[in-house]
Structure formats: structure tokens, C-alpha cells
Amino acid sequence: MDKLGPFSVGLATAVTFVIINALCAAAVALWPDATLDVFNSFAHGLDLKPLKSTGPLDLGRFLVGLISLAAVGFVAGAVFAWTYNLVAHR
């Protein structure tokens, strides 16, 4: 088996998180109630409607979330690749 490059996997995971976050933000901007209904289905019966934002999507909050998720994605991907290399190659 080939080893995974922690940087490459981290970068791929970060880009994936950024794309998902951008698509989610677009869904919230275009269909806020429907998007909230979908996330309610993910929450195993919790009602997330009280958390609904009362204003439009703020660009600053969007960018902070995007950068934060990219960082989390990079670290998660790098740790995954490092762990995979550790346990998969004897």
C-alpha cells in the first residue's frame, strides 16, 4: 500500500470543507427554512428553529467560518493521513 501524504490529504480535506461550507451558506441564503429543516433531520429530533438567524448572511462571519473550517479540515486530514500511515504500514 502507498503511504498517504499528510499535507496532500490535509489540503484535500480543507478544500472539501470549504466547498461544503460555501454550498451550505448558499443554501441558507436562498432557502433558509428548508435548510433548517434538513439540519433538524440531522439533529435526531432536536428543534434547531430557535437558533435561526434573524438577519441576512454576513460576509465577515461567512469568511471566518470558511477559514476556520479550512484550518480544521487541514488538521483533520493531516492527522488522518499520519494515523493511516502509522497503522497501515507495518
N, C-alpha and C. Protein backbone atom coordinates (compact mmCIF):
# COMPACT_ATOMS: atom_id res chain seq x y z
N MET A 1 0.83 -1.19 0.00
CA MET A 1 0.00 0.00 0.00
C MET A 1 0.87 1.25 0.00
N ASP A 2 0.39 2.24 -0.66
CA ASP A 2 1.12 3.50 -0.69
C ASP A 2 0.83 4.31 0.56
N LYS A 3 1.82 5.08 0.97
CA LYS A 3 1.62 5.99 2.09
C LYS A 3 0.83 7.20 1.63
N LEU A 4 0.10 7.77 2.56
CA LEU A 4 -0.65 9.00 2.29
C LEU A 4 0.20 10.19 2.72
N GLY A 5 0.22 11.22 1.91
CA GLY A 5 0.94 12.44 2.27
C GLY A 5 0.08 13.29 3.18
N PRO A 6 0.50 13.51 4.43
CA PRO A 6 -0.32 14.32 5.34
C PRO A 6 -0.66 15.71 4.78
N PHE A 7 0.28 16.36 4.10
CA PHE A 7 -0.01 17.68 3.55
C PHE A 7 -1.08 17.58 2.46
N SER A 8 -0.93 16.60 1.56
CA SER A 8 -1.89 16.44 0.46
C SER A 8 -3.28 16.10 0.96
N VAL A 9 -3.36 15.17 1.89
CA VAL A 9 -4.67 14.78 2.43
C VAL A 9 -5.26 15.94 3.23
N GLY A 10 -4.43 16.63 3.98
CA GLY A 10 -4.91 17.79 4.73
C GLY A 10 -5.45 18.87 3.81
N LEU A 11 -4.74 19.15 2.73
CA LEU A 11 -5.19 20.16 1.77
C LEU A 11 -6.48 19.73 1.08
N ALA A 12 -6.56 18.47 0.68
CA ALA A 12 -7.77 17.98 0.03
C ALA A 12 -8.97 18.06 0.98
N THR A 13 -8.76 17.73 2.24
CA THR A 13 -9.85 17.80 3.22
C THR A 13 -10.25 19.26 3.46
N ALA A 14 -9.28 20.15 3.53
CA ALA A 14 -9.58 21.57 3.73
C ALA A 14 -10.40 22.11 2.57
N VAL A 15 -10.02 21.78 1.34
CA VAL A 15 -10.77 22.25 0.17
C VAL A 15 -12.18 21.67 0.18
N THR A 16 -12.31 20.42 0.55
CA THR A 16 -13.63 19.79 0.64
C THR A 16 -14.50 20.51 1.65
N PHE A 17 -13.96 20.82 2.82
CA PHE A 17 -14.72 21.54 3.85
C PHE A 17 -15.13 22.93 3.36
N VAL A 18 -14.25 23.62 2.65
CA VAL A 18 -14.54 24.96 2.13
C VAL A 18 -15.69 24.89 1.12
N ILE A 19 -15.66 23.91 0.24
CA ILE A 19 -16.72 23.77 -0.76
C ILE A 19 -18.06 23.47 -0.09
N ILE A 20 -18.06 22.54 0.86
CA ILE A 20 -19.29 22.20 1.57
C ILE A 20 -19.82 23.40 2.33
N ASN A 21 -18.93 24.16 2.97
CA ASN A 21 -19.35 25.35 3.71
C ASN A 21 -19.95 26.39 2.79
N ALA A 22 -19.35 26.61 1.64
CA ALA A 22 -19.87 27.59 0.68
C ALA A 22 -21.23 27.16 0.15
N LEU A 23 -21.39 25.87 -0.15
CA LEU A 23 -22.68 25.38 -0.62
C LEU A 23 -23.74 25.50 0.47
N CYS A 24 -23.37 25.24 1.69
CA CYS A 24 -24.30 25.36 2.82
C CYS A 24 -24.72 26.82 3.00
N ALA A 25 -23.77 27.74 2.91
CA ALA A 25 -24.09 29.16 3.05
C ALA A 25 -25.03 29.61 1.95
N ALA A 26 -24.81 29.13 0.74
CA ALA A 26 -25.70 29.47 -0.37
C ALA A 26 -27.10 28.92 -0.12
N ALA A 27 -27.19 27.69 0.38
CA ALA A 27 -28.49 27.10 0.69
C ALA A 27 -29.22 27.90 1.77
N VAL A 28 -28.49 28.30 2.80
CA VAL A 28 -29.10 29.10 3.88
C VAL A 28 -29.57 30.45 3.34
N ALA A 29 -28.79 31.07 2.45
CA ALA A 29 -29.17 32.36 1.89
C ALA A 29 -30.39 32.24 0.98
N LEU A 30 -30.45 31.16 0.20
CA LEU A 30 -31.55 31.00 -0.76
C LEU A 30 -32.80 30.38 -0.16
N TRP A 31 -32.63 29.38 0.68
CA TRP A 31 -33.75 28.62 1.25
C TRP A 31 -33.55 28.42 2.75
N PRO A 32 -33.63 29.46 3.55
CA PRO A 32 -33.32 29.33 4.98
C PRO A 32 -34.20 28.31 5.71
N ASP A 33 -35.49 28.30 5.46
CA ASP A 33 -36.36 27.38 6.18
C ASP A 33 -36.14 25.93 5.77
N ALA A 34 -35.97 25.69 4.48
CA ALA A 34 -35.73 24.33 4.00
C ALA A 34 -34.39 23.80 4.51
N THR A 35 -33.38 24.67 4.51
CA THR A 35 -32.07 24.26 5.01
C THR A 35 -32.14 23.91 6.49
N LEU A 36 -32.87 24.71 7.24
CA LEU A 36 -33.04 24.44 8.67
C LEU A 36 -33.79 23.12 8.88
N ASP A 37 -34.77 22.83 8.04
CA ASP A 37 -35.48 21.55 8.13
C ASP A 37 -34.54 20.37 7.90
N VAL A 38 -33.63 20.51 6.94
CA VAL A 38 -32.66 19.44 6.67
C VAL A 38 -31.76 19.24 7.89
N PHE A 39 -31.25 20.33 8.45
CA PHE A 39 -30.39 20.21 9.62
C PHE A 39 -31.15 19.69 10.84
N ASN A 40 -32.44 20.00 10.94
CA ASN A 40 -33.25 19.42 12.01
C ASN A 40 -33.29 17.89 11.87
N SER A 41 -33.34 17.40 10.64
CA SER A 41 -33.36 15.95 10.43
C SER A 41 -32.03 15.31 10.85
N PHE A 42 -30.94 16.06 10.75
CA PHE A 42 -29.63 15.55 11.18
C PHE A 42 -29.52 15.51 12.70
N ALA A 43 -30.32 16.32 13.40
CA ALA A 43 -30.16 16.53 14.83
C ALA A 43 -30.94 15.55 15.69
N HIS A 44 -31.45 14.48 15.10
CA HIS A 44 -32.11 13.41 15.86
C HIS A 44 -33.23 13.91 16.75
N GLY A 45 -34.07 14.76 16.21
CA GLY A 45 -35.23 15.20 16.95
C GLY A 45 -35.08 16.53 17.69
N LEU A 46 -33.87 17.09 17.72
CA LEU A 46 -33.71 18.40 18.34
C LEU A 46 -34.33 19.46 17.43
N ASP A 47 -34.95 20.46 18.02
CA ASP A 47 -35.52 21.55 17.26
C ASP A 47 -34.53 22.70 17.19
N LEU A 48 -33.97 22.93 16.02
CA LEU A 48 -32.97 23.97 15.84
C LEU A 48 -33.59 25.30 15.40
N LYS A 49 -34.90 25.34 15.23
CA LYS A 49 -35.54 26.57 14.74
C LYS A 49 -35.30 27.78 15.64
N PRO A 50 -35.21 27.63 16.98
CA PRO A 50 -34.91 28.83 17.79
C PRO A 50 -33.53 29.44 17.49
N LEU A 51 -32.67 28.71 16.82
CA LEU A 51 -31.33 29.21 16.50
C LEU A 51 -31.29 29.97 15.18
N LYS A 52 -32.42 30.05 14.49
CA LYS A 52 -32.47 30.69 13.17
C LYS A 52 -32.05 32.16 13.27
N SER A 53 -31.18 32.55 12.37
CA SER A 53 -30.72 33.94 12.31
C SER A 53 -31.85 34.85 11.84
N THR A 54 -31.88 36.05 12.39
CA THR A 54 -32.92 36.98 12.02
C THR A 54 -32.49 37.92 10.90
N GLY A 55 -31.23 37.93 10.58
CA GLY A 55 -30.72 38.84 9.54
C GLY A 55 -30.10 38.08 8.39
N PRO A 56 -29.66 38.82 7.38
CA PRO A 56 -29.02 38.18 6.23
C PRO A 56 -27.63 37.64 6.59
N LEU A 57 -27.14 36.78 5.74
CA LEU A 57 -25.80 36.22 5.94
C LEU A 57 -24.76 37.34 5.88
N ASP A 58 -23.94 37.41 6.89
CA ASP A 58 -22.91 38.44 6.99
C ASP A 58 -21.62 37.92 6.35
N LEU A 59 -21.02 38.70 5.46
CA LEU A 59 -19.81 38.28 4.76
C LEU A 59 -18.66 38.00 5.71
N GLY A 60 -18.51 38.82 6.75
CA GLY A 60 -17.42 38.60 7.71
C GLY A 60 -17.56 37.28 8.43
N ARG A 61 -18.76 36.97 8.90
CA ARG A 61 -18.99 35.68 9.58
C ARG A 61 -18.78 34.52 8.63
N PHE A 62 -19.21 34.70 7.38
CA PHE A 62 -19.00 33.65 6.38
C PHE A 62 -17.52 33.38 6.18
N LEU A 63 -16.73 34.43 6.03
CA LEU A 63 -15.29 34.26 5.80
C LEU A 63 -14.58 33.66 7.00
N VAL A 64 -14.95 34.08 8.21
CA VAL A 64 -14.35 33.50 9.41
C VAL A 64 -14.68 32.01 9.48
N GLY A 65 -15.92 31.66 9.21
CA GLY A 65 -16.31 30.25 9.20
C GLY A 65 -15.57 29.46 8.13
N LEU A 66 -15.43 30.06 6.95
CA LEU A 66 -14.74 29.40 5.85
C LEU A 66 -13.27 29.13 6.22
N ILE A 67 -12.60 30.13 6.74
CA ILE A 67 -11.18 29.98 7.12
C ILE A 67 -11.03 29.00 8.28
N SER A 68 -11.93 29.08 9.24
CA SER A 68 -11.87 28.17 10.39
C SER A 68 -12.07 26.72 9.96
N LEU A 69 -13.07 26.49 9.10
CA LEU A 69 -13.30 25.12 8.64
C LEU A 69 -12.16 24.62 7.77
N ALA A 70 -11.54 25.50 7.00
CA ALA A 70 -10.38 25.09 6.21
C ALA A 70 -9.25 24.64 7.12
N ALA A 71 -9.02 25.38 8.20
CA ALA A 71 -7.96 25.00 9.15
C ALA A 71 -8.29 23.68 9.83
N VAL A 72 -9.53 23.53 10.27
CA VAL A 72 -9.94 22.27 10.91
C VAL A 72 -9.82 21.11 9.92
N GLY A 73 -10.23 21.34 8.68
CA GLY A 73 -10.14 20.30 7.66
C GLY A 73 -8.70 19.90 7.38
N PHE A 74 -7.81 20.90 7.32
CA PHE A 74 -6.40 20.59 7.07
C PHE A 74 -5.82 19.75 8.19
N VAL A 75 -6.07 20.15 9.42
CA VAL A 75 -5.54 19.40 10.57
C VAL A 75 -6.15 18.00 10.61
N ALA A 76 -7.45 17.89 10.41
CA ALA A 76 -8.11 16.58 10.43
C ALA A 76 -7.54 15.66 9.35
N GLY A 77 -7.36 16.20 8.14
CA GLY A 77 -6.82 15.39 7.06
C GLY A 77 -5.38 14.97 7.31
N ALA A 78 -4.58 15.88 7.83
CA ALA A 78 -3.18 15.56 8.12
C ALA A 78 -3.07 14.51 9.22
N VAL A 79 -3.88 14.66 10.26
CA VAL A 79 -3.88 13.67 11.35
C VAL A 79 -4.37 12.32 10.82
N PHE A 80 -5.40 12.33 9.98
CA PHE A 80 -5.88 11.09 9.39
C PHE A 80 -4.77 10.39 8.60
N ALA A 81 -4.10 11.14 7.72
CA ALA A 81 -3.04 10.54 6.90
C ALA A 81 -1.90 10.02 7.77
N TRP A 82 -1.51 10.79 8.76
CA TRP A 82 -0.42 10.35 9.65
C TRP A 82 -0.81 9.08 10.39
N THR A 83 -2.04 9.04 10.89
CA THR A 83 -2.51 7.86 11.61
C THR A 83 -2.63 6.66 10.68
N TYR A 84 -3.14 6.89 9.49
CA TYR A 84 -3.26 5.82 8.50
C TYR A 84 -1.88 5.23 8.21
N ASN A 85 -0.91 6.10 7.97
CA ASN A 85 0.45 5.62 7.69
C ASN A 85 1.02 4.84 8.86
N LEU A 86 0.69 5.26 10.06
CA LEU A 86 1.19 4.59 11.27
C LEU A 86 0.62 3.19 11.42
N VAL A 87 -0.67 3.04 11.19
CA VAL A 87 -1.33 1.74 11.46
C VAL A 87 -1.38 0.83 10.26
N ALA A 88 -1.30 1.35 9.03
CA ALA A 88 -1.46 0.52 7.85
C ALA A 88 -0.15 -0.06 7.33
N HIS A 89 0.95 0.50 7.73
CA HIS A 89 2.25 0.04 7.22
C HIS A 89 3.08 -0.50 8.38
N ARG A 90 3.24 -1.78 8.38
CA ARG A 90 3.96 -2.42 9.49
C ARG A 90 5.42 -2.37 9.29
